[in-house]
């Protein structure tokens, strides 16, 4: 069985290990949606830190697809040009640059988290009209309902996804993930909590999945076969009134026959009323393992997997193929180095670029270097 620090090949792309930086929105753009030096340093540091795959935060495929006015986008060429600087640096550090495309749907038009993360007033000059499958409010901090999408809206958004995928390729990304989780547009179409449509995009599970399948097909037509095309799905919601895991399995199977290469297993988050076991270690792993087993599709998984020993055991057990590291990588950009040390990898310093490695190798006989204490002198170069 493979382990956490084995390489992972998918299509024409090979990751140096099975650690991926999970896409995490930084809310650090201007209203133009163009990434900044913050993104270059944030993402570049995790590539320097040894991750095999570095996935940029969800990029909105249209202006109304943002969560907040500070979210990044890929709806125009200026945004793609700025992202190309990031992909060049990430690739130069030995990591694969990945991109996540998405649309906030009914969770759009919010303030940044440190500004309250609540829905902007309708009269706020920075606000925009949010859209969704139905005019059902998300609730809580998002009390105002989104406008129910027309068929023309659906076609337009699907064209937006395809156009963003073309720009992602031009910007140098080698791995593409479509975001169908976390209560955003794709997730809300799949869930009867958010989707009460009576046309071909609502009702039974096949109809509720139709938007996701068609959008995937639109991206598949423009994304090269040689590069991985993946999706993040909200596999379960931990709520009795939403879609079932069987619905999610059927979705993966439908996407598989249309060219899906890997599925990233996460939460639906279609309601704040869900009873999610937030403090349980690796609580999404059993779901990922079942979907991998029943569909034969490679899977990635995240949530509470910051313990390297547990993460490695998960990979060895065949429960998942990739580890998506989020908050642990925010706390420590060199989380892969820490994991390699804890797991007894023969040459953990090889994860680092020579600018760092040359200094640390020379100091290995000093047990106080880098705060690793006595264990530092036992680390192989």
Protein backbone atom coordinates (compact mmCIF):
# COMPACT_ATOMS: atom_id res chain seq x y z
CA UNK A 1 0.00 0.00 0.00
CA UNK A 2 1.22 3.57 -0.66
CA UNK A 3 2.10 5.95 2.15
CA UNK A 4 1.85 9.69 2.69
CA UNK A 5 5.24 10.47 1.16
CA UNK A 6 4.91 8.27 -1.90
CA UNK A 7 4.41 10.07 -5.19
CA UNK A 8 0.98 10.15 -6.80
CA UNK A 9 0.46 10.09 -10.56
CA UNK A 10 -2.78 11.17 -12.21
CA UNK A 11 -2.96 11.60 -15.98
CA UNK A 12 0.27 13.38 -17.03
CA UNK A 13 0.83 14.94 -13.59
CA UNK A 14 2.89 13.43 -10.79
CA UNK A 15 2.82 14.84 -7.26
CA UNK A 16 6.00 14.42 -5.21
CA UNK A 17 3.91 13.29 -2.24
CA UNK A 18 0.27 12.88 -1.26
CA UNK A 19 -0.02 16.15 0.64
CA UNK A 20 -2.12 18.87 -0.97
CA UNK A 21 -2.74 22.38 0.27
CA UNK A 22 -6.50 22.63 0.50
CA UNK A 23 -8.01 25.69 -1.22
CA UNK A 24 -8.67 28.31 1.46
CA UNK A 25 -10.16 31.68 0.62
CA UNK A 26 -7.99 34.55 1.83
CA UNK A 27 -10.45 37.43 1.25
CA UNK A 28 -7.48 39.56 0.24
CA UNK A 29 -8.32 40.87 -3.23
CA UNK A 30 -9.84 44.16 -4.21
CA UNK A 31 -13.25 44.35 -5.91
CA UNK A 32 -11.53 43.51 -9.19
CA UNK A 33 -10.91 39.93 -7.98
CA UNK A 34 -7.20 40.06 -8.87
CA UNK A 35 -4.84 38.10 -6.61
CA UNK A 36 -2.13 40.10 -4.87
CA UNK A 37 1.32 39.68 -3.33
CA UNK A 38 -0.46 38.13 -0.35
CA UNK A 39 -1.50 35.16 -2.48
CA UNK A 40 1.96 34.79 -3.97
CA UNK A 41 3.55 34.62 -0.54
CA UNK A 42 0.80 32.50 1.05
CA UNK A 43 0.74 29.90 -1.71
CA UNK A 44 4.44 30.10 -2.47
CA UNK A 45 5.33 29.43 1.16
CA UNK A 46 3.35 26.18 1.15
CA UNK A 47 5.07 25.09 -2.06
CA UNK A 48 8.43 25.88 -0.45
CA UNK A 49 7.23 23.93 2.60
CA UNK A 50 7.03 20.69 0.66
CA UNK A 51 3.41 20.15 -0.38
CA UNK A 52 2.95 18.06 -3.51
CA UNK A 53 -0.09 20.00 -4.73
CA UNK A 54 -0.91 23.63 -3.97
CA UNK A 55 -4.52 24.55 -4.77
CA UNK A 56 -5.46 28.21 -5.07
CA UNK A 57 -8.57 29.32 -3.23
CA UNK A 58 -11.98 29.10 -4.90
CA UNK A 59 -11.90 31.45 -7.88
CA UNK A 60 -15.29 32.89 -8.75
CA UNK A 61 -16.30 32.30 -12.35
CA UNK A 62 -18.38 35.49 -12.38
CA UNK A 63 -18.54 38.67 -10.27
CA UNK A 64 -21.74 37.54 -8.52
CA UNK A 65 -20.03 34.22 -7.78
CA UNK A 66 -17.87 35.74 -5.05
CA UNK A 67 -18.58 35.28 -1.35
CA UNK A 68 -17.22 38.69 -0.39
CA UNK A 69 -15.86 41.78 -2.16
CA UNK A 70 -12.38 40.50 -1.24
CA UNK A 71 -12.66 37.16 -3.05
CA UNK A 72 -10.57 36.20 -6.05
CA UNK A 73 -11.94 35.52 -9.51
CA UNK A 74 -11.13 34.17 -12.92
CA UNK A 75 -13.74 35.87 -15.07
CA UNK A 76 -11.29 38.06 -17.00
CA UNK A 77 -7.81 38.00 -18.48
CA UNK A 78 -6.29 40.43 -15.97
CA UNK A 79 -7.06 37.95 -13.21
CA UNK A 80 -5.45 35.15 -15.20
CA UNK A 81 -2.32 37.20 -15.78
CA UNK A 82 -1.91 37.83 -12.04
CA UNK A 83 -2.42 34.13 -11.29
CA UNK A 84 0.27 33.15 -13.78
CA UNK A 85 2.86 34.71 -11.47
CA UNK A 86 1.67 32.38 -8.69
CA UNK A 87 1.69 29.23 -10.84
CA UNK A 88 5.24 29.94 -12.06
CA UNK A 89 6.58 30.25 -8.53
CA UNK A 90 4.70 27.21 -7.19
CA UNK A 91 5.97 25.06 -10.06
CA UNK A 92 9.53 26.29 -9.60
CA UNK A 93 9.45 24.95 -6.02
CA UNK A 94 8.57 21.43 -7.15
CA UNK A 95 4.84 21.56 -6.39
CA UNK A 96 1.96 21.24 -8.85
CA UNK A 97 -0.23 24.37 -9.13
CA UNK A 98 -3.93 23.58 -8.80
CA UNK A 99 -7.01 25.74 -9.13
CA UNK A 100 -10.52 25.51 -7.71
CA UNK A 101 -13.35 27.09 -9.71
CA UNK A 102 -16.63 27.87 -8.07
CA UNK A 103 -19.68 30.06 -7.62
CA UNK A 104 -20.88 31.16 -4.20
CA UNK A 105 -24.55 30.98 -5.17
CA UNK A 106 -26.84 31.92 -2.31
CA UNK A 107 -23.83 32.38 0.00
CA UNK A 108 -22.65 35.39 -1.99
CA UNK A 109 -22.66 39.03 -0.95
CA UNK A 110 -21.11 38.62 2.51
CA UNK A 111 -18.70 40.70 4.52
CA UNK A 112 -15.22 39.28 5.16
CA UNK A 113 -14.94 36.97 8.19
CA UNK A 114 -13.11 39.57 10.27
CA UNK A 115 -15.86 42.07 9.36
CA UNK A 116 -18.65 39.82 10.64
CA UNK A 117 -19.09 37.39 7.71
CA UNK A 118 -22.75 38.40 7.49
CA UNK A 119 -24.86 39.27 4.47
CA UNK A 120 -24.39 42.82 3.24
CA UNK A 121 -27.52 45.01 3.33
CA UNK A 122 -29.34 45.14 0.01
CA UNK A 123 -28.70 48.87 -0.25
CA UNK A 124 -24.94 48.56 0.38
CA UNK A 125 -23.10 49.91 -2.69
CA UNK A 126 -20.75 46.90 -2.59
CA UNK A 127 -23.61 44.39 -2.58
CA UNK A 128 -24.75 42.36 -5.58
CA UNK A 129 -27.69 40.10 -6.35
CA UNK A 130 -27.00 36.52 -5.36
CA UNK A 131 -28.52 33.62 -7.26
CA UNK A 132 -29.37 30.04 -6.41
CA UNK A 133 -31.46 27.08 -7.55
CA UNK A 134 -34.47 28.35 -5.58
CA UNK A 135 -35.39 31.48 -3.63
CA UNK A 136 -34.85 29.82 -0.26
CA UNK A 137 -32.80 31.84 2.27
CA UNK A 138 -29.77 30.10 3.70
CA UNK A 139 -30.78 31.47 7.09
CA UNK A 140 -28.86 32.70 10.11
CA UNK A 141 -26.34 35.32 9.07
CA UNK A 142 -27.69 35.08 5.47
CA UNK A 143 -31.38 35.94 5.91
CA UNK A 144 -32.12 37.38 2.47
CA UNK A 145 -33.09 34.90 -0.23
CA UNK A 146 -31.17 34.55 -3.46
CA UNK A 147 -32.98 34.94 -6.76
CA UNK A 148 -34.01 31.61 -8.29
CA UNK A 149 -32.04 31.01 -11.46
CA UNK A 150 -33.72 30.85 -14.84
CA UNK A 151 -32.61 28.39 -17.50
CA UNK A 152 -30.79 31.30 -19.17
CA UNK A 153 -28.94 31.93 -15.89
CA UNK A 154 -27.94 28.27 -15.75
CA UNK A 155 -26.56 28.33 -19.29
CA UNK A 156 -24.70 31.58 -18.62
CA UNK A 157 -23.06 30.26 -15.46
CA UNK A 158 -22.04 27.06 -17.24
CA UNK A 159 -20.40 29.15 -19.97
CA UNK A 160 -18.66 31.12 -17.21
CA UNK A 161 -17.19 27.90 -15.81
CA UNK A 162 -15.88 26.87 -19.22
CA UNK A 163 -14.37 30.30 -19.86
CA UNK A 164 -12.69 30.29 -16.45
CA UNK A 165 -11.25 26.84 -17.15
CA UNK A 166 -9.70 28.12 -20.39
CA UNK A 167 -8.12 30.99 -18.48
CA UNK A 168 -6.88 28.61 -15.79
CA UNK A 169 -5.02 26.64 -18.45
CA UNK A 170 -3.53 29.81 -19.91
CA UNK A 171 -2.43 30.86 -16.41
CA UNK A 172 -0.39 27.66 -16.06
CA UNK A 173 -2.54 25.53 -13.75
CA UNK A 174 -2.06 21.79 -14.12
CA UNK A 175 -4.86 20.51 -11.86
CA UNK A 176 -8.45 21.75 -11.86
CA UNK A 177 -11.11 21.22 -9.20
CA UNK A 178 -14.74 22.28 -9.54
CA UNK A 179 -16.26 23.27 -6.20
CA UNK A 180 -19.54 21.44 -5.54
CA UNK A 181 -19.46 21.64 -1.72
CA UNK A 182 -19.77 23.98 1.27
CA UNK A 183 -23.21 25.34 0.45
CA UNK A 184 -22.10 27.05 -2.74
CA UNK A 185 -24.01 26.87 -6.02
CA UNK A 186 -23.23 23.28 -7.01
CA UNK A 187 -23.88 21.96 -3.52
CA UNK A 188 -27.19 23.80 -3.25
CA UNK A 189 -28.46 22.34 -6.53
CA UNK A 190 -27.81 18.81 -5.23
CA UNK A 191 -29.52 19.31 -1.86
CA UNK A 192 -33.34 19.37 -1.45
CA UNK A 193 -32.72 21.73 1.46
CA UNK A 194 -31.83 24.44 -1.05
CA UNK A 195 -33.38 23.13 -4.28
CA UNK A 196 -37.16 22.95 -4.58
CA UNK A 197 -37.34 23.44 -8.35
CA UNK A 198 -40.04 21.65 -10.30
CA UNK A 199 -38.28 21.64 -13.69
CA UNK A 200 -35.56 19.30 -14.95
CA UNK A 201 -33.08 20.74 -12.40
CA UNK A 202 -35.11 19.82 -9.33
CA UNK A 203 -37.07 17.00 -7.77
CA UNK A 204 -35.39 13.59 -7.83
CA UNK A 205 -31.68 13.05 -7.27
CA UNK A 206 -30.87 12.74 -10.96
CA UNK A 207 -32.51 16.08 -11.73
CA UNK A 208 -30.87 17.80 -8.76
CA UNK A 209 -27.49 16.57 -10.03
CA UNK A 210 -28.15 17.78 -13.58
CA UNK A 211 -26.60 21.24 -13.10
CA UNK A 212 -23.45 19.68 -11.66
CA UNK A 213 -23.14 17.12 -14.44
CA UNK A 214 -23.75 19.63 -17.24
CA UNK A 215 -21.31 22.13 -15.73
CA UNK A 216 -18.69 19.42 -15.45
CA UNK A 217 -19.24 18.53 -19.10
CA UNK A 218 -18.80 22.17 -20.12
CA UNK A 219 -15.44 22.27 -18.35
CA UNK A 220 -14.42 18.83 -19.62
CA UNK A 221 -14.80 20.08 -23.21
CA UNK A 222 -12.15 22.77 -22.73
CA UNK A 223 -9.81 21.22 -20.14
CA UNK A 224 -7.08 18.99 -21.64
CA UNK A 225 -7.45 15.24 -21.20
CA UNK A 226 -3.80 15.01 -20.16
CA UNK A 227 -4.39 17.10 -17.01
CA UNK A 228 -6.44 16.06 -13.95
CA UNK A 229 -10.02 17.27 -13.77
CA UNK A 230 -11.49 16.79 -10.31
CA UNK A 231 -14.47 17.91 -8.24
CA UNK A 232 -14.99 18.65 -4.56
CA UNK A 233 -18.39 17.39 -3.52
CA UNK A 234 -20.45 17.94 -0.42
CA UNK A 235 -20.90 14.22 0.05
CA UNK A 236 -23.07 14.48 3.18
CA UNK A 237 -24.65 17.24 5.26
CA UNK A 238 -25.18 15.53 8.64
CA UNK A 239 -28.82 16.56 8.34
CA UNK A 240 -31.86 14.27 7.76
CA UNK A 241 -33.53 16.48 5.14
CA UNK A 242 -30.70 16.74 2.63
CA UNK A 243 -29.33 14.43 -0.07
CA UNK A 244 -28.05 11.00 0.85
CA UNK A 245 -24.61 9.51 0.47
CA UNK A 246 -26.18 7.25 -2.16
CA UNK A 247 -27.07 10.41 -4.12
CA UNK A 248 -23.43 11.48 -3.89
CA UNK A 249 -22.22 8.08 -5.05
CA UNK A 250 -24.57 8.27 -8.04
CA UNK A 251 -23.19 11.74 -8.83
CA UNK A 252 -19.61 10.47 -8.77
CA UNK A 253 -20.56 7.58 -11.05
CA UNK A 254 -22.26 9.97 -13.48
CA UNK A 255 -19.19 12.20 -13.55
CA UNK A 256 -16.83 9.23 -13.87
CA UNK A 257 -18.28 8.20 -17.22
CA UNK A 258 -17.84 11.80 -18.38
CA UNK A 259 -14.16 12.00 -17.56
CA UNK A 260 -13.77 12.68 -13.84
CA UNK A 261 -10.27 11.84 -12.59
CA UNK A 262 -10.57 12.24 -8.78
CA UNK A 263 -13.19 13.30 -6.25
CA UNK A 264 -12.39 15.48 -3.23
CA UNK A 265 -14.74 14.51 -0.38
CA UNK A 266 -16.06 17.27 1.84
CA UNK A 267 -19.25 18.56 3.46
CA UNK A 268 -22.40 19.88 1.85
CA UNK A 269 -22.83 22.73 4.36
CA UNK A 270 -26.24 23.54 2.93
CA UNK A 271 -27.58 24.47 6.36
CA UNK A 272 -26.20 25.71 9.66
CA UNK A 273 -28.63 23.32 11.37
CA UNK A 274 -26.50 20.30 10.52
CA UNK A 275 -25.03 18.32 13.42
CA UNK A 276 -21.44 18.06 12.19
CA UNK A 277 -18.98 16.28 14.53
CA UNK A 278 -16.52 19.15 14.25
CA UNK A 279 -14.18 17.92 16.99
CA UNK A 280 -13.91 14.32 15.77
CA UNK A 281 -10.60 13.40 14.15
CA UNK A 282 -10.90 12.68 10.43
CA UNK A 283 -14.69 12.60 10.55
CA UNK A 284 -15.01 12.60 6.74
CA UNK A 285 -12.66 9.64 6.20
CA UNK A 286 -15.33 6.90 6.48
CA UNK A 287 -17.39 8.66 3.82
CA UNK A 288 -14.37 9.05 1.55
CA UNK A 289 -13.43 5.40 2.03
CA UNK A 290 -16.93 4.25 1.12
CA UNK A 291 -17.09 6.39 -2.01
CA UNK A 292 -13.64 5.20 -3.07
CA UNK A 293 -14.61 1.59 -2.48
CA UNK A 294 -17.98 1.70 -4.22
CA UNK A 295 -17.03 3.84 -7.23
CA UNK A 296 -13.38 2.90 -7.77
CA UNK A 297 -12.60 6.61 -8.10
CA UNK A 298 -9.43 8.04 -6.49
CA UNK A 299 -10.38 10.31 -3.58
CA UNK A 300 -8.95 13.17 -1.57
CA UNK A 301 -10.23 14.07 1.87
CA UNK A 302 -9.80 16.74 4.53
CA UNK A 303 -11.10 17.87 7.96
CA UNK A 304 -9.25 17.29 11.24
CA UNK A 305 -6.36 15.36 9.71
CA UNK A 306 -3.47 17.38 11.07
CA UNK A 307 -1.90 14.41 12.88
CA UNK A 308 0.70 13.05 10.40
CA UNK A 309 0.64 9.55 11.90
CA UNK A 310 -3.13 9.32 11.51
CA UNK A 311 -2.99 10.79 8.00
CA UNK A 312 -0.32 8.32 6.93
CA UNK A 313 -2.32 5.43 8.36
CA UNK A 314 -5.34 6.59 6.36
CA UNK A 315 -3.36 6.51 3.11
CA UNK A 316 -1.81 3.12 3.92
CA UNK A 317 -5.26 1.68 4.67
CA UNK A 318 -6.50 2.69 1.24
CA UNK A 319 -9.18 4.99 2.64
CA UNK A 320 -7.98 7.90 0.49
CA UNK A 321 -5.36 8.73 -2.10
CA UNK A 322 -4.63 12.35 -1.19
CA UNK A 323 -4.62 14.34 2.03
CA UNK A 324 -6.00 17.88 1.77
CA UNK A 325 -4.33 19.93 4.51
CA UNK A 326 -5.99 23.19 5.47
CA UNK A 327 -5.65 24.82 8.87
CA UNK A 328 -2.56 22.79 9.90
CA UNK A 329 -0.79 24.30 6.88
CA UNK A 330 -1.90 27.79 7.91
CA UNK A 331 -0.38 27.24 11.34
CA UNK A 332 2.80 25.74 9.87
CA UNK A 333 3.77 26.32 6.21
CA UNK A 334 6.33 23.52 6.65
CA UNK A 335 3.77 20.97 7.84
CA UNK A 336 5.10 18.39 5.31
CA UNK A 337 8.56 18.69 6.89
CA UNK A 338 7.07 18.13 10.34
CA UNK A 339 5.15 15.13 9.02
CA UNK A 340 8.25 13.67 7.37
CA UNK A 341 10.19 13.97 10.63
CA UNK A 342 7.43 12.38 12.70
CA UNK A 343 7.03 9.52 10.23
CA UNK A 344 10.74 8.79 10.08
CA UNK A 345 11.18 9.59 6.40
CA UNK A 346 14.82 8.94 5.44
CA UNK A 347 15.58 12.45 4.08
CA UNK A 348 13.01 14.98 5.33
CA UNK A 349 15.23 17.96 4.54
CA UNK A 350 15.03 17.01 0.87
CA UNK A 351 11.55 18.55 0.92
CA UNK A 352 13.10 21.98 1.34
CA UNK A 353 14.69 24.21 -1.30
CA UNK A 354 18.49 24.57 -1.19
CA UNK A 355 18.23 28.07 0.25
CA UNK A 356 16.89 26.50 3.47
CA UNK A 357 18.33 23.02 3.28
CA UNK A 358 21.96 24.12 3.05
CA UNK A 359 21.75 26.05 6.32
CA UNK A 360 19.82 23.39 8.21
CA UNK A 361 22.06 20.52 7.15
CA UNK A 362 25.10 22.37 8.50
CA UNK A 363 23.37 22.93 11.83
CA UNK A 364 22.16 19.40 12.43
CA UNK A 365 24.70 18.78 15.15
CA UNK A 366 23.16 21.62 17.19
CA UNK A 367 20.16 20.23 19.11
CA UNK A 368 18.72 23.71 19.68
CA UNK A 369 18.35 24.69 16.03
CA UNK A 370 14.81 25.34 14.83
CA UNK A 371 13.33 24.43 18.21
CA UNK A 372 13.35 20.69 17.49
CA UNK A 373 15.37 19.95 20.62
CA UNK A 374 17.36 16.75 20.98
CA UNK A 375 15.48 15.08 18.15
CA UNK A 376 17.05 17.44 15.63
CA UNK A 377 20.43 15.73 15.71
CA UNK A 378 18.81 12.40 14.82
CA UNK A 379 17.23 13.65 11.59
CA UNK A 380 18.91 12.30 8.46
CA UNK A 381 19.94 14.82 5.84
